[in-house]
Amino acid sequence: MRNAFARSMLVFAMLLMQFVSMPARAQPEIGDKIPPLDIELLGGRALAPETTRGKVLLVVFWATWCPLCMRELPEMQRLYQAYRKKGLQILALSLDEDEAVVAAYWKKSRFGFPVAMRSDEAREAFGSVRGTPTTVILDRSRTLRVRHVGAMGYEALERAITPLL
């Protein structure tokens, strides 16, 4: 019994060492270029890279269980209505587990900007999300200009995007 425990602990320690020594995904920093992404939107349509090329792209990582997100999304809708003709594109990437819950919420809310579930490709491009909502803003050349965890509110969002338009 003692040998089995010792072997188990040795295996656990070896696995832990492998995990700790794994290279971490790089977290993009302000000034980094973010590669174009093919995003599958809810309902199966694609948001191809050409759709966002040359636009200011605001990406919000959110969840239906996040009260700050529920207050921030209507502010983003207002922003989208005010600035989309000037080159603003907003993309909401949900961190929810259940796509049906997201689809029902989105249909009820009637937001005009696209929504998708966060994909591995988005996780690779934007790095980890440490809180919701997380707002990322890319300029027209896909350079990361803003990364903000928590609600920003309409005025702060507007101040962040207008110089980029």
N, C-alpha and C. Protein backbone atom coordinates (compact mmCIF):
# COMPACT_ATOMS: atom_id res chain seq x y z
N MET A 1 0.83 -1.19 0.00
CA MET A 1 0.00 0.00 0.00
C MET A 1 0.87 1.25 0.00
N ARG A 2 1.94 1.21 0.79
CA ARG A 2 2.82 2.36 0.88
C ARG A 2 3.52 2.61 -0.45
N ASN A 3 3.93 1.54 -1.14
CA ASN A 3 4.59 1.68 -2.44
C ASN A 3 3.62 2.23 -3.48
N ALA A 4 2.37 1.83 -3.43
CA ALA A 4 1.38 2.34 -4.38
C ALA A 4 1.19 3.84 -4.17
N PHE A 5 1.15 4.26 -2.91
CA PHE A 5 1.01 5.69 -2.62
C PHE A 5 2.23 6.46 -3.12
N ALA A 6 3.40 5.92 -2.88
CA ALA A 6 4.65 6.58 -3.30
C ALA A 6 4.69 6.68 -4.83
N ARG A 7 4.29 5.60 -5.52
CA ARG A 7 4.26 5.64 -7.00
C ARG A 7 3.24 6.66 -7.50
N SER A 8 2.08 6.71 -6.85
CA SER A 8 1.06 7.68 -7.23
C SER A 8 1.57 9.10 -7.06
N MET A 9 2.24 9.35 -5.96
CA MET A 9 2.79 10.68 -5.71
C MET A 9 3.87 11.02 -6.74
N LEU A 10 4.68 10.04 -7.11
CA LEU A 10 5.72 10.27 -8.12
C LEU A 10 5.10 10.60 -9.47
N VAL A 11 4.07 9.86 -9.86
CA VAL A 11 3.38 10.14 -11.12
C VAL A 11 2.75 11.53 -11.07
N PHE A 12 2.11 11.86 -9.95
CA PHE A 12 1.51 13.18 -9.80
C PHE A 12 2.57 14.28 -9.92
N ALA A 13 3.70 14.11 -9.27
CA ALA A 13 4.77 15.10 -9.32
C ALA A 13 5.31 15.26 -10.74
N MET A 14 5.43 14.15 -11.47
CA MET A 14 5.92 14.22 -12.86
C MET A 14 4.92 14.97 -13.74
N LEU A 15 3.64 14.68 -13.57
CA LEU A 15 2.61 15.39 -14.35
C LEU A 15 2.60 16.87 -14.01
N LEU A 16 2.72 17.20 -12.73
CA LEU A 16 2.76 18.59 -12.31
C LEU A 16 3.96 19.31 -12.92
N MET A 17 5.10 18.67 -12.95
CA MET A 17 6.30 19.28 -13.55
C MET A 17 6.08 19.54 -15.04
N GLN A 18 5.44 18.59 -15.74
CA GLN A 18 5.17 18.79 -17.16
C GLN A 18 4.23 19.97 -17.36
N PHE A 19 3.21 20.05 -16.53
CA PHE A 19 2.24 21.14 -16.65
C PHE A 19 2.91 22.49 -16.41
N VAL A 20 3.70 22.57 -15.36
CA VAL A 20 4.35 23.83 -15.01
C VAL A 20 5.35 24.25 -16.09
N SER A 21 5.97 23.29 -16.75
CA SER A 21 6.98 23.63 -17.75
C SER A 21 6.40 23.86 -19.14
N MET A 22 5.08 23.70 -19.29
CA MET A 22 4.46 23.96 -20.59
C MET A 22 4.55 25.44 -20.92
N PRO A 23 4.85 25.77 -22.18
CA PRO A 23 4.91 27.19 -22.52
C PRO A 23 3.52 27.81 -22.42
N ALA A 24 3.45 28.97 -21.82
CA ALA A 24 2.17 29.68 -21.70
C ALA A 24 1.84 30.37 -23.01
N ARG A 25 0.56 30.46 -23.30
CA ARG A 25 0.15 31.23 -24.47
C ARG A 25 0.48 32.69 -24.22
N ALA A 26 1.02 33.30 -25.23
CA ALA A 26 1.37 34.71 -25.09
C ALA A 26 0.10 35.54 -25.01
N GLN A 27 0.07 36.44 -24.07
CA GLN A 27 -1.04 37.37 -23.96
C GLN A 27 -0.70 38.57 -24.84
N PRO A 28 -1.54 38.88 -25.84
CA PRO A 28 -1.24 40.04 -26.69
C PRO A 28 -1.15 41.31 -25.86
N GLU A 29 -0.26 42.17 -26.25
CA GLU A 29 -0.07 43.44 -25.56
C GLU A 29 -0.47 44.59 -26.46
N ILE A 30 -0.69 45.75 -25.86
CA ILE A 30 -1.01 46.95 -26.62
C ILE A 30 0.10 47.17 -27.66
N GLY A 31 -0.30 47.39 -28.90
CA GLY A 31 0.65 47.59 -29.98
C GLY A 31 0.89 46.35 -30.82
N ASP A 32 0.45 45.18 -30.34
CA ASP A 32 0.60 43.94 -31.11
C ASP A 32 -0.43 43.89 -32.23
N LYS A 33 -0.04 43.28 -33.34
CA LYS A 33 -0.99 43.02 -34.43
C LYS A 33 -1.75 41.74 -34.10
N ILE A 34 -3.04 41.77 -34.36
CA ILE A 34 -3.90 40.60 -34.13
C ILE A 34 -4.26 40.04 -35.50
N PRO A 35 -4.04 38.76 -35.72
CA PRO A 35 -4.33 38.20 -37.04
C PRO A 35 -5.83 38.20 -37.35
N PRO A 36 -6.17 38.29 -38.64
CA PRO A 36 -7.60 38.19 -39.01
C PRO A 36 -8.14 36.81 -38.63
N LEU A 37 -9.40 36.78 -38.25
CA LEU A 37 -10.02 35.52 -37.82
C LEU A 37 -11.24 35.21 -38.66
N ASP A 38 -11.46 33.93 -38.90
CA ASP A 38 -12.73 33.45 -39.43
C ASP A 38 -13.57 33.07 -38.22
N ILE A 39 -14.67 33.75 -38.03
CA ILE A 39 -15.52 33.51 -36.86
C ILE A 39 -16.84 32.93 -37.34
N GLU A 40 -17.24 31.81 -36.72
CA GLU A 40 -18.57 31.25 -37.01
C GLU A 40 -19.55 31.87 -36.04
N LEU A 41 -20.47 32.65 -36.59
CA LEU A 41 -21.47 33.32 -35.78
C LEU A 41 -22.56 32.34 -35.36
N LEU A 42 -23.35 32.74 -34.38
CA LEU A 42 -24.50 31.91 -34.01
C LEU A 42 -25.40 31.78 -35.23
N GLY A 43 -25.92 30.63 -35.43
CA GLY A 43 -26.76 30.39 -36.59
C GLY A 43 -25.96 29.85 -37.78
N GLY A 44 -24.63 29.76 -37.63
CA GLY A 44 -23.82 29.13 -38.66
C GLY A 44 -23.21 30.04 -39.72
N ARG A 45 -23.65 31.31 -39.77
CA ARG A 45 -23.03 32.23 -40.74
C ARG A 45 -21.59 32.49 -40.32
N ALA A 46 -20.78 32.91 -41.29
CA ALA A 46 -19.38 33.22 -41.01
C ALA A 46 -19.17 34.73 -41.01
N LEU A 47 -18.32 35.19 -40.12
CA LEU A 47 -17.85 36.56 -40.14
C LEU A 47 -16.42 36.47 -40.69
N ALA A 48 -16.32 36.62 -42.00
CA ALA A 48 -15.03 36.46 -42.67
C ALA A 48 -14.13 37.65 -42.36
N PRO A 49 -12.81 37.46 -42.44
CA PRO A 49 -11.87 38.55 -42.18
C PRO A 49 -12.12 39.80 -43.02
N GLU A 50 -12.62 39.62 -44.24
CA GLU A 50 -12.89 40.77 -45.11
C GLU A 50 -13.94 41.70 -44.51
N THR A 51 -14.82 41.15 -43.70
CA THR A 51 -15.90 41.93 -43.09
C THR A 51 -15.36 43.00 -42.15
N THR A 52 -14.25 42.70 -41.51
CA THR A 52 -13.70 43.64 -40.53
C THR A 52 -12.46 44.38 -41.05
N ARG A 53 -12.00 44.03 -42.23
CA ARG A 53 -10.79 44.68 -42.77
C ARG A 53 -11.01 46.18 -42.92
N GLY A 54 -10.06 46.96 -42.42
CA GLY A 54 -10.12 48.41 -42.53
C GLY A 54 -11.09 49.07 -41.58
N LYS A 55 -11.64 48.31 -40.63
CA LYS A 55 -12.57 48.88 -39.66
C LYS A 55 -11.94 48.85 -38.27
N VAL A 56 -12.46 49.70 -37.41
CA VAL A 56 -12.12 49.62 -36.00
C VAL A 56 -12.96 48.48 -35.44
N LEU A 57 -12.31 47.53 -34.79
CA LEU A 57 -13.00 46.35 -34.30
C LEU A 57 -12.99 46.34 -32.77
N LEU A 58 -14.19 46.36 -32.21
CA LEU A 58 -14.36 46.23 -30.77
C LEU A 58 -14.88 44.81 -30.51
N VAL A 59 -14.11 44.05 -29.76
CA VAL A 59 -14.50 42.69 -29.40
C VAL A 59 -14.80 42.67 -27.92
N VAL A 60 -15.97 42.20 -27.56
CA VAL A 60 -16.32 42.09 -26.15
C VAL A 60 -16.51 40.62 -25.80
N PHE A 61 -15.80 40.18 -24.77
CA PHE A 61 -15.96 38.84 -24.22
C PHE A 61 -16.94 38.98 -23.08
N TRP A 62 -18.03 38.24 -23.13
CA TRP A 62 -19.14 38.43 -22.22
C TRP A 62 -19.79 37.09 -21.90
N ALA A 63 -20.76 37.11 -21.00
CA ALA A 63 -21.52 35.90 -20.67
C ALA A 63 -22.90 36.31 -20.17
N THR A 64 -23.86 35.43 -20.38
CA THR A 64 -25.24 35.72 -19.95
C THR A 64 -25.35 35.75 -18.43
N TRP A 65 -24.42 35.13 -17.73
CA TRP A 65 -24.45 35.09 -16.27
C TRP A 65 -23.70 36.27 -15.64
N CYS A 66 -23.23 37.19 -16.46
CA CYS A 66 -22.42 38.32 -15.99
C CYS A 66 -23.28 39.59 -15.91
N PRO A 67 -23.60 40.09 -14.70
CA PRO A 67 -24.45 41.28 -14.59
C PRO A 67 -23.83 42.53 -15.22
N LEU A 68 -22.51 42.68 -15.12
CA LEU A 68 -21.86 43.83 -15.76
C LEU A 68 -22.02 43.77 -17.28
N CYS A 69 -21.95 42.57 -17.82
CA CYS A 69 -22.12 42.39 -19.27
C CYS A 69 -23.53 42.80 -19.70
N MET A 70 -24.51 42.44 -18.88
CA MET A 70 -25.90 42.74 -19.22
C MET A 70 -26.14 44.25 -19.25
N ARG A 71 -25.39 45.01 -18.45
CA ARG A 71 -25.49 46.47 -18.48
C ARG A 71 -24.64 47.06 -19.61
N GLU A 72 -23.52 46.42 -19.95
CA GLU A 72 -22.60 46.96 -20.94
C GLU A 72 -23.07 46.73 -22.38
N LEU A 73 -23.70 45.61 -22.66
CA LEU A 73 -24.10 45.31 -24.04
C LEU A 73 -25.06 46.35 -24.63
N PRO A 74 -26.06 46.84 -23.91
CA PRO A 74 -26.89 47.91 -24.49
C PRO A 74 -26.09 49.18 -24.79
N GLU A 75 -25.08 49.47 -23.98
CA GLU A 75 -24.21 50.62 -24.26
C GLU A 75 -23.45 50.40 -25.57
N MET A 76 -23.02 49.18 -25.78
CA MET A 76 -22.31 48.86 -27.02
C MET A 76 -23.24 48.95 -28.22
N GLN A 77 -24.49 48.56 -28.03
CA GLN A 77 -25.47 48.70 -29.11
C GLN A 77 -25.64 50.16 -29.49
N ARG A 78 -25.75 51.03 -28.49
CA ARG A 78 -25.84 52.48 -28.75
C ARG A 78 -24.61 52.97 -29.52
N LEU A 79 -23.45 52.51 -29.10
CA LEU A 79 -22.19 52.89 -29.75
C LEU A 79 -22.16 52.40 -31.20
N TYR A 80 -22.61 51.17 -31.39
CA TYR A 80 -22.64 50.58 -32.73
C TYR A 80 -23.56 51.38 -33.65
N GLN A 81 -24.73 51.75 -33.15
CA GLN A 81 -25.66 52.54 -33.95
C GLN A 81 -25.07 53.90 -34.30
N ALA A 82 -24.35 54.49 -33.38
CA ALA A 82 -23.80 55.83 -33.60
C ALA A 82 -22.58 55.83 -34.53
N TYR A 83 -21.80 54.74 -34.55
CA TYR A 83 -20.51 54.79 -35.23
C TYR A 83 -20.27 53.72 -36.30
N ARG A 84 -21.21 52.85 -36.54
CA ARG A 84 -20.95 51.80 -37.53
C ARG A 84 -20.74 52.36 -38.93
N LYS A 85 -21.44 53.43 -39.29
CA LYS A 85 -21.27 54.02 -40.61
C LYS A 85 -19.93 54.74 -40.75
N LYS A 86 -19.27 54.99 -39.62
CA LYS A 86 -17.95 55.62 -39.64
C LYS A 86 -16.82 54.59 -39.58
N GLY A 87 -17.19 53.30 -39.57
CA GLY A 87 -16.16 52.26 -39.63
C GLY A 87 -15.99 51.43 -38.38
N LEU A 88 -16.96 51.44 -37.46
CA LEU A 88 -16.88 50.62 -36.26
C LEU A 88 -17.58 49.28 -36.50
N GLN A 89 -16.91 48.20 -36.14
CA GLN A 89 -17.52 46.88 -36.13
C GLN A 89 -17.39 46.33 -34.71
N ILE A 90 -18.47 45.81 -34.18
CA ILE A 90 -18.45 45.19 -32.85
C ILE A 90 -18.72 43.70 -33.02
N LEU A 91 -18.01 42.91 -32.25
CA LEU A 91 -18.19 41.46 -32.23
C LEU A 91 -18.27 41.02 -30.78
N ALA A 92 -19.36 40.33 -30.42
CA ALA A 92 -19.54 39.81 -29.07
C ALA A 92 -19.18 38.33 -29.07
N LEU A 93 -18.22 37.95 -28.23
CA LEU A 93 -17.81 36.55 -28.11
C LEU A 93 -18.22 36.05 -26.73
N SER A 94 -19.17 35.12 -26.72
CA SER A 94 -19.71 34.62 -25.46
C SER A 94 -18.82 33.56 -24.85
N LEU A 95 -18.71 33.62 -23.54
CA LEU A 95 -17.96 32.62 -22.78
C LEU A 95 -18.90 31.56 -22.19
N ASP A 96 -20.18 31.67 -22.49
CA ASP A 96 -21.16 30.69 -21.99
C ASP A 96 -20.84 29.30 -22.53
N GLU A 97 -21.31 28.31 -21.81
CA GLU A 97 -21.16 26.91 -22.24
C GLU A 97 -22.25 26.50 -23.22
N ASP A 98 -23.45 27.04 -23.04
CA ASP A 98 -24.62 26.61 -23.80
C ASP A 98 -24.97 27.64 -24.89
N GLU A 99 -24.73 27.26 -26.12
CA GLU A 99 -25.01 28.16 -27.25
C GLU A 99 -26.49 28.51 -27.35
N ALA A 100 -27.36 27.60 -26.97
CA ALA A 100 -28.80 27.86 -27.05
C ALA A 100 -29.21 28.99 -26.10
N VAL A 101 -28.60 29.06 -24.94
CA VAL A 101 -28.88 30.13 -23.98
C VAL A 101 -28.46 31.47 -24.57
N VAL A 102 -27.29 31.49 -25.20
CA VAL A 102 -26.78 32.72 -25.82
C VAL A 102 -27.70 33.15 -26.96
N ALA A 103 -28.08 32.19 -27.80
CA ALA A 103 -28.95 32.50 -28.95
C ALA A 103 -30.29 33.06 -28.48
N ALA A 104 -30.87 32.49 -27.44
CA ALA A 104 -32.16 32.97 -26.92
C ALA A 104 -32.01 34.39 -26.37
N TYR A 105 -30.95 34.64 -25.62
CA TYR A 105 -30.73 35.98 -25.07
C TYR A 105 -30.53 36.99 -26.20
N TRP A 106 -29.72 36.63 -27.20
CA TRP A 106 -29.41 37.55 -28.29
C TRP A 106 -30.67 37.88 -29.10
N LYS A 107 -31.49 36.87 -29.34
CA LYS A 107 -32.72 37.08 -30.10
C LYS A 107 -33.66 38.02 -29.33
N LYS A 108 -33.77 37.81 -28.04
CA LYS A 108 -34.64 38.64 -27.19
C LYS A 108 -34.11 40.08 -27.11
N SER A 109 -32.80 40.25 -27.06
CA SER A 109 -32.20 41.57 -26.89
C SER A 109 -32.17 42.39 -28.17
N ARG A 110 -32.14 41.72 -29.30
CA ARG A 110 -32.18 42.37 -30.62
C ARG A 110 -31.01 43.32 -30.86
N PHE A 111 -29.81 42.90 -30.43
CA PHE A 111 -28.62 43.69 -30.72
C PHE A 111 -28.29 43.57 -32.20
N GLY A 112 -27.76 44.63 -32.79
CA GLY A 112 -27.49 44.64 -34.22
C GLY A 112 -26.13 44.14 -34.63
N PHE A 113 -25.23 43.99 -33.68
CA PHE A 113 -23.89 43.52 -34.02
C PHE A 113 -23.81 42.01 -33.84
N PRO A 114 -22.84 41.38 -34.52
CA PRO A 114 -22.77 39.92 -34.51
C PRO A 114 -22.31 39.33 -33.19
N VAL A 115 -22.74 38.09 -32.95
CA VAL A 115 -22.38 37.34 -31.75
C VAL A 115 -21.92 35.95 -32.15
N ALA A 116 -20.95 35.44 -31.40
CA ALA A 116 -20.42 34.09 -31.62
C ALA A 116 -19.99 33.53 -30.27
N MET A 117 -19.78 32.26 -30.25
CA MET A 117 -19.18 31.63 -29.08
C MET A 117 -17.66 31.80 -29.23
N ARG A 118 -16.96 31.97 -28.11
CA ARG A 118 -15.50 32.11 -28.19
C ARG A 118 -14.91 30.80 -28.70
N SER A 119 -14.10 30.88 -29.72
CA SER A 119 -13.49 29.71 -30.33
C SER A 119 -12.03 29.58 -29.89
N ASP A 120 -11.43 28.44 -30.21
CA ASP A 120 -10.01 28.25 -29.94
C ASP A 120 -9.17 29.26 -30.71
N GLU A 121 -9.60 29.58 -31.93
CA GLU A 121 -8.88 30.56 -32.75
C GLU A 121 -8.91 31.94 -32.09
N ALA A 122 -10.05 32.33 -31.55
CA ALA A 122 -10.16 33.61 -30.84
C ALA A 122 -9.34 33.59 -29.56
N ARG A 123 -9.35 32.46 -28.87
CA ARG A 123 -8.57 32.32 -27.64
C ARG A 123 -7.08 32.48 -27.95
N GLU A 124 -6.65 31.90 -29.04
CA GLU A 124 -5.25 32.01 -29.45
C GLU A 124 -4.90 33.45 -29.82
N ALA A 125 -5.77 34.12 -30.54
CA ALA A 125 -5.49 35.48 -31.01
C ALA A 125 -5.54 36.51 -29.89
N PHE A 126 -6.52 36.40 -28.99
CA PHE A 126 -6.74 37.43 -27.98
C PHE A 126 -6.21 37.07 -26.60
N GLY A 127 -5.79 35.83 -26.42
CA GLY A 127 -5.26 35.42 -25.13
C GLY A 127 -6.37 35.08 -24.15
N SER A 128 -5.98 34.94 -22.90
CA SER A 128 -6.94 34.55 -21.88
C SER A 128 -7.82 35.73 -21.46
N VAL A 129 -9.00 35.38 -21.01
CA VAL A 129 -9.95 36.37 -20.51
C VAL A 129 -9.99 36.19 -18.99
N ARG A 130 -9.62 37.23 -18.28
CA ARG A 130 -9.50 37.13 -16.82
C ARG A 130 -10.71 37.67 -16.08
N GLY A 131 -11.68 38.18 -16.80
CA GLY A 131 -12.89 38.70 -16.17
C GLY A 131 -13.86 39.13 -17.24
N THR A 132 -15.12 39.25 -16.85
CA THR A 132 -16.14 39.67 -17.82
C THR A 132 -16.79 40.95 -17.33
N PRO A 133 -17.13 41.81 -18.24
CA PRO A 133 -16.74 41.76 -19.65
C PRO A 133 -15.27 42.15 -19.83
N THR A 134 -14.68 41.65 -20.89
CA THR A 134 -13.36 42.10 -21.32
C THR A 134 -13.55 42.71 -22.70
N THR A 135 -13.10 43.95 -22.86
CA THR A 135 -13.24 44.67 -24.12
C THR A 135 -11.86 44.84 -24.75
N VAL A 136 -11.79 44.48 -26.02
CA VAL A 136 -10.56 44.61 -26.79
C VAL A 136 -10.89 45.48 -27.99
N ILE A 137 -10.06 46.47 -28.26
CA ILE A 137 -10.29 47.35 -29.41
C ILE A 137 -9.06 47.32 -30.30
N LEU A 138 -9.31 47.03 -31.59
CA LEU A 138 -8.26 47.03 -32.61
C LEU A 138 -8.48 48.21 -33.54
N ASP A 139 -7.39 48.84 -33.95
CA ASP A 139 -7.53 49.94 -34.91
C ASP A 139 -7.71 49.38 -36.32
N ARG A 140 -7.76 50.24 -37.30
CA ARG A 140 -8.03 49.82 -38.69
C ARG A 140 -6.95 48.91 -39.26
N SER A 141 -5.76 48.92 -38.68
CA SER A 141 -4.68 48.05 -39.17
C SER A 141 -4.55 46.79 -38.31
N ARG A 142 -5.55 46.53 -37.44
CA ARG A 142 -5.62 45.35 -36.57
C ARG A 142 -4.59 45.37 -35.45
N THR A 143 -4.18 46.58 -35.07
CA THR A 143 -3.26 46.73 -33.94
C THR A 143 -4.08 46.87 -32.67
N LEU A 144 -3.69 46.13 -31.63
CA LEU A 144 -4.38 46.17 -30.35
C LEU A 144 -4.14 47.53 -29.70
N ARG A 145 -5.23 48.26 -29.45
CA ARG A 145 -5.14 49.59 -28.85
C ARG A 145 -5.69 49.65 -27.43
N VAL A 146 -6.68 48.80 -27.12
CA VAL A 146 -7.30 48.81 -25.78
C VAL A 146 -7.57 47.38 -25.36
N ARG A 147 -7.27 47.08 -24.10
CA ARG A 147 -7.69 45.82 -23.47
C ARG A 147 -8.15 46.21 -22.07
N HIS A 148 -9.44 46.04 -21.81
CA HIS A 148 -10.01 46.50 -20.55
C HIS A 148 -10.88 45.40 -19.94
N VAL A 149 -10.62 45.09 -18.68
CA VAL A 149 -11.44 44.12 -17.96
C VAL A 149 -12.42 44.90 -17.10
N GLY A 150 -13.71 44.56 -17.24
CA GLY A 150 -14.77 45.24 -16.50
C GLY A 150 -15.55 46.15 -17.42
N ALA A 151 -16.64 46.66 -16.92
CA ALA A 151 -17.48 47.54 -17.71
C ALA A 151 -16.77 48.87 -17.93
N MET A 152 -16.94 49.44 -19.12
CA MET A 152 -16.34 50.74 -19.44
C MET A 152 -17.37 51.85 -19.45
N GLY A 153 -18.58 51.55 -19.86
CA GLY A 153 -19.61 52.58 -20.00
C GLY A 153 -19.49 53.28 -21.34
N TYR A 154 -20.58 53.89 -21.76
CA TYR A 154 -20.67 54.49 -23.09
C TYR A 154 -19.60 55.55 -23.32
N GLU A 155 -19.45 56.48 -22.40
CA GLU A 155 -18.52 57.59 -22.60
C GLU A 155 -17.09 57.11 -22.77
N ALA A 156 -16.65 56.17 -21.93
CA ALA A 156 -15.28 55.64 -22.04
C ALA A 156 -15.10 54.86 -23.34
N LEU A 157 -16.11 54.10 -23.73
CA LEU A 157 -16.03 53.38 -25.01
C LEU A 157 -15.90 54.37 -26.16
N GLU A 158 -16.71 55.41 -26.12
CA GLU A 158 -16.69 56.42 -27.16
C GLU A 158 -15.32 57.11 -27.23
N ARG A 159 -14.76 57.47 -26.06
CA ARG A 159 -13.43 58.09 -26.02
C ARG A 159 -12.36 57.17 -26.59
N ALA A 160 -12.53 55.87 -26.40
CA ALA A 160 -11.54 54.90 -26.87
C ALA A 160 -11.60 54.72 -28.39
N ILE A 161 -12.80 54.74 -28.97
CA ILE A 161 -12.90 54.43 -30.40
C ILE A 161 -12.83 55.65 -31.32
N THR A 162 -13.33 56.79 -30.88
CA THR A 162 -13.42 57.93 -31.82
C THR A 162 -12.07 58.36 -32.39
N PRO A 163 -10.96 58.35 -31.64
CA PRO A 163 -9.70 58.72 -32.28
C PRO A 163 -9.24 57.72 -33.34
N LEU A 164 -9.76 56.48 -33.26
CA LEU A 164 -9.35 55.44 -34.20
C LEU A 164 -10.19 55.46 -35.49
N LEU A 165 -11.34 56.12 -35.43
CA LEU A 165 -12.22 56.18 -36.60
C LEU A 165 -11.69 57.24 -37.53
